Protein backbone atom coordinates (compact mmCIF):
# COMPACT_ATOMS: atom_id res chain seq x y z
CA MET A 1 0.00 0.00 0.00
CA TYR A 2 2.82 2.42 0.86
CA LYS A 3 4.74 1.75 -2.37
CA THR A 4 1.68 2.00 -4.62
CA PHE A 5 -0.18 4.90 -3.00
CA PHE A 6 1.11 6.60 0.15
CA LYS A 7 4.64 7.12 -1.16
CA ARG A 8 3.30 9.17 -4.08
CA PHE A 9 0.93 11.05 -1.76
CA LEU A 10 3.86 12.01 0.48
CA ASP A 11 5.92 13.03 -2.56
CA LEU A 12 3.17 15.34 -3.77
CA SER A 13 2.47 16.98 -0.43
CA MET A 14 6.11 17.36 0.62
CA SER A 15 7.40 18.59 -2.75
CA LEU A 16 4.63 21.21 -3.02
CA SER A 17 5.24 22.34 0.57
CA GLY A 18 8.99 22.41 -0.04
CA LEU A 19 8.70 24.52 -3.18
CA LEU A 20 6.50 27.05 -1.40
CA PHE A 21 8.47 27.15 1.86
CA LEU A 22 11.89 27.25 0.20
CA SER A 23 11.04 29.81 -2.49
CA PRO A 24 13.08 32.60 -0.77
CA LEU A 25 16.09 30.26 -0.64
CA PHE A 26 15.57 29.35 -4.31
CA LEU A 27 15.68 33.02 -5.23
CA LEU A 28 18.79 33.68 -3.13
CA VAL A 29 20.70 30.72 -4.63
CA ALA A 30 19.60 31.67 -8.16
CA VAL A 31 20.92 35.23 -7.80
CA TRP A 32 24.16 33.95 -6.24
CA LEU A 33 24.74 31.48 -9.09
CA HIS A 34 23.88 34.05 -11.73
CA PHE A 35 27.05 35.92 -10.82
CA ALA A 36 29.21 32.93 -9.82
CA ASN A 37 28.58 31.09 -13.10
CA LYS A 38 29.78 34.04 -15.19
CA GLY A 39 26.69 34.19 -17.37
CA ALA A 40 26.41 30.42 -17.87
CA GLY A 41 22.90 30.34 -16.45
CA VAL A 42 21.34 29.23 -13.18
CA PHE A 43 19.71 25.90 -14.06
CA PHE A 44 21.10 22.70 -15.51
CA PHE A 45 18.79 20.49 -17.59
CA GLN A 46 19.53 16.97 -18.75
CA GLU A 47 17.56 13.95 -19.89
CA ARG A 48 17.67 11.00 -17.48
CA PRO A 49 15.85 7.65 -17.47
CA GLY A 50 13.21 7.26 -14.79
CA LYS A 51 10.71 4.56 -13.88
CA GLY A 52 10.43 2.03 -16.68
CA GLU A 53 13.51 3.66 -18.25
CA ARG A 54 11.27 6.46 -19.56
CA LEU A 55 13.31 9.60 -20.24
CA PHE A 56 12.46 12.83 -18.42
CA ARG A 57 14.12 16.24 -18.15
CA LEU A 58 15.92 16.56 -14.82
CA VAL A 59 16.58 20.06 -13.44
CA LYS A 60 19.28 21.11 -10.97
CA PHE A 61 21.00 24.32 -10.00
CA LYS A 62 24.01 24.78 -12.27
CA THR A 63 27.29 24.73 -10.35
CA MET A 64 29.81 25.09 -13.20
CA THR A 65 30.72 27.77 -15.70
CA ASP A 66 30.82 27.26 -19.47
CA GLU A 67 34.47 28.27 -19.74
CA ARG A 68 36.38 26.88 -22.70
CA GLY A 69 40.03 26.31 -23.51
CA SER A 70 42.01 27.75 -26.43
CA ASP A 71 40.72 24.87 -28.60
CA GLY A 72 37.13 25.99 -28.05
CA GLN A 73 36.24 22.89 -26.02
CA LEU A 74 34.74 23.05 -22.54
CA LEU A 75 37.33 22.82 -19.79
CA PRO A 76 37.23 19.69 -17.57
CA ASP A 77 34.38 19.65 -15.05
CA ALA A 78 36.73 19.99 -12.08
CA GLN A 79 38.11 23.24 -13.52
CA ARG A 80 34.67 24.70 -14.24
CA LEU A 81 33.29 23.91 -10.79
CA THR A 82 33.31 27.23 -8.92
CA LYS A 83 33.90 27.74 -5.20
CA THR A 84 30.26 28.75 -4.94
CA GLY A 85 29.26 25.63 -6.87
CA LYS A 86 31.30 23.41 -4.56
CA PHE A 87 29.56 24.89 -1.54
CA ILE A 88 26.15 24.49 -3.20
CA ARG A 89 26.93 20.82 -3.84
CA ALA A 90 28.29 20.25 -0.33
CA ALA A 91 25.04 21.60 1.10
CA SER A 92 23.05 19.59 -1.51
CA LEU A 93 21.32 22.82 -2.55
CA ASP A 94 21.90 21.96 -6.21
CA GLU A 95 19.31 19.19 -5.86
CA LEU A 96 16.48 21.45 -4.66
CA PRO A 97 14.99 22.22 -8.11
CA GLN A 98 14.28 18.50 -8.43
CA LEU A 99 11.33 19.08 -6.13
CA TRP A 100 9.68 20.21 -9.37
CA ASN A 101 10.48 16.81 -10.92
CA VAL A 102 8.94 15.15 -7.85
CA LEU A 103 5.81 17.28 -8.13
CA ARG A 104 5.48 16.36 -11.82
CA GLY A 105 5.80 12.66 -11.04
CA ASP A 106 9.13 12.16 -12.80
CA MET A 107 10.85 11.47 -9.50
CA SER A 108 10.29 10.60 -5.85
CA LEU A 109 11.87 12.17 -2.80
CA ILE A 110 13.55 8.82 -2.07
CA GLY A 111 14.78 6.40 -4.70
CA PRO A 112 17.79 5.47 -6.86
CA ARG A 113 19.52 8.54 -8.26
CA PRO A 114 18.67 9.07 -11.96
CA LEU A 115 21.80 8.36 -13.99
CA LEU A 116 22.75 9.00 -17.61
CA PRO A 117 20.87 7.33 -20.50
CA SER A 118 24.23 6.13 -21.86
CA TYR A 119 24.55 3.85 -18.81
CA LEU A 120 21.48 1.77 -19.71
CA PRO A 121 23.33 -0.84 -21.83
CA TRP A 122 25.79 -1.47 -18.98
CA TYR A 123 23.32 -2.60 -16.30
CA THR A 124 22.98 -6.24 -15.34
CA GLU A 125 19.47 -7.72 -15.23
CA ARG A 126 19.37 -7.28 -11.45
CA GLU A 127 20.63 -3.70 -11.63
CA ARG A 128 17.72 -2.85 -13.95
CA LEU A 129 15.49 -3.21 -10.88
CA ARG A 130 16.49 0.38 -10.10
CA HIS A 131 14.10 1.43 -12.86
CA SER A 132 11.15 -0.43 -11.36
CA VAL A 133 10.64 2.53 -9.01
CA ARG A 134 10.78 6.30 -9.47
CA PRO A 135 14.28 7.77 -9.14
CA GLY A 136 14.88 9.94 -6.09
CA ILE A 137 16.59 13.11 -4.92
CA THR A 138 18.40 10.94 -2.38
CA GLY A 139 18.55 7.19 -1.97
CA TRP A 140 19.95 4.12 -0.22
CA ALA A 141 23.21 4.28 -2.21
CA GLN A 142 23.73 7.97 -1.37
CA VAL A 143 23.70 7.28 2.37
CA HIS A 144 26.30 4.54 1.96
CA GLY A 145 29.32 6.54 0.92
CA ARG A 146 27.91 9.04 -1.56
CA SER A 147 30.93 9.63 -3.84
CA HIS A 148 33.25 6.97 -2.38
CA THR A 149 31.35 3.81 -3.30
CA SER A 150 32.14 1.58 -6.28
CA TRP A 151 29.69 1.41 -9.17
CA ASP A 152 28.95 -2.25 -8.42
CA ASP A 153 28.04 -1.41 -4.82
CA LYS A 154 25.99 1.67 -5.76
CA LEU A 155 23.88 -0.26 -8.24
CA GLU A 156 23.41 -3.15 -5.82
CA TYR A 157 22.18 -0.70 -3.17
CA ASP A 158 19.70 0.66 -5.75
CA ALA A 159 18.42 -2.82 -6.65
CA TRP A 160 18.09 -3.72 -2.96
CA TYR A 161 16.11 -0.56 -2.30
CA ALA A 162 13.72 -1.32 -5.16
CA GLU A 163 13.02 -4.70 -3.55
CA HIS A 164 12.53 -3.32 -0.02
CA VAL A 165 10.67 0.00 -0.42
CA SER A 166 8.88 0.89 2.82
CA LEU A 167 8.00 3.92 4.93
CA LEU A 168 10.50 2.90 7.62
CA LEU A 169 13.31 2.55 5.09
CA ASP A 170 12.52 5.93 3.53
CA LEU A 171 12.55 7.56 6.96
CA ARG A 172 15.96 6.00 7.66
CA ILE A 173 17.29 7.40 4.38
CA ILE A 174 15.92 10.87 5.14
CA GLY A 175 17.56 10.81 8.57
CA ARG A 176 20.93 9.73 7.19
CA THR A 177 20.72 12.25 4.34
CA ILE A 178 20.20 15.08 6.82
CA GLY A 179 23.29 13.87 8.69
CA TYR A 180 25.37 13.88 5.50
CA VAL A 181 24.20 17.37 4.53
CA PHE A 182 25.01 18.94 7.89
CA SER A 183 28.35 17.14 8.21
CA GLY A 184 29.46 18.00 4.67
CA ARG A 185 30.91 14.50 4.23
CA ASP A 186 31.67 12.97 0.84
CA VAL A 187 31.17 16.09 -1.25
CA THR A 188 30.62 15.13 -4.87
CA VAL A 189 33.32 16.55 -7.13
CA PRO A 190 33.57 15.65 -10.84
CA THR A 191 36.15 12.88 -11.35
CA GLY A 192 35.36 11.38 -14.76
CA ASP A 193 34.61 8.03 -13.09
CA THR A 194 31.63 7.00 -15.24
CA LEU A 195 29.88 3.64 -15.31
CA ASP A 196 30.52 3.03 -19.01
CA LYS A 197 34.25 3.64 -18.55
CA ALA A 198 34.38 1.41 -15.46
CA ARG A 199 32.51 -1.48 -17.08
CA CYS A 200 34.32 -1.10 -20.40
CA HIS A 201 37.66 -1.24 -18.59
CA LYS A 202 36.57 -4.35 -16.70
CA GLU A 203 35.60 -6.05 -19.98
CA ASP A 204 38.70 -4.71 -21.78
CA CYS A 205 36.59 -3.34 -24.65
CA THR A 206 37.71 -0.77 -27.20
């Protein structure tokens, strides 16, 4: 009953309340990023696969500039991540616009993080369980190491969550997420460690 009805009811009520209550913070962060990103914009949009692998347009606060090198190509992510952007990520404020995705039904407050469409061919059959539920702003994998967990472990955590969705589990994840946010542990910084590269390396493909 929780997975099929009450979870969505909580998502709707909490995302709507969050958007209304946090609107002053949204405005403050947007103005701050407008200047920090050097004209690169405030929001970041990208297609991600959700429940049933259906693509949706994810929105986040943009934490990097669009600076390019002498060759005209974008600089590496780590070089474009601003000090402001790093703070925004450490405080998980970049995820706040996803409350809109939750309100729309693309996402849930709790669930596997939506990853890139290019990762879809690299999942095992069990790992595809992550797409049997709505993706979340935070999830079971994120409270088990955040950016210091191997891809195999992250995807196993996601599959396990999909099999064990419950109100108690979601409350545990919310509690741990709050702890991570206030402690500033495991801040996510771009490293280039992508699933396709990791799996391709393991299989020695070209």
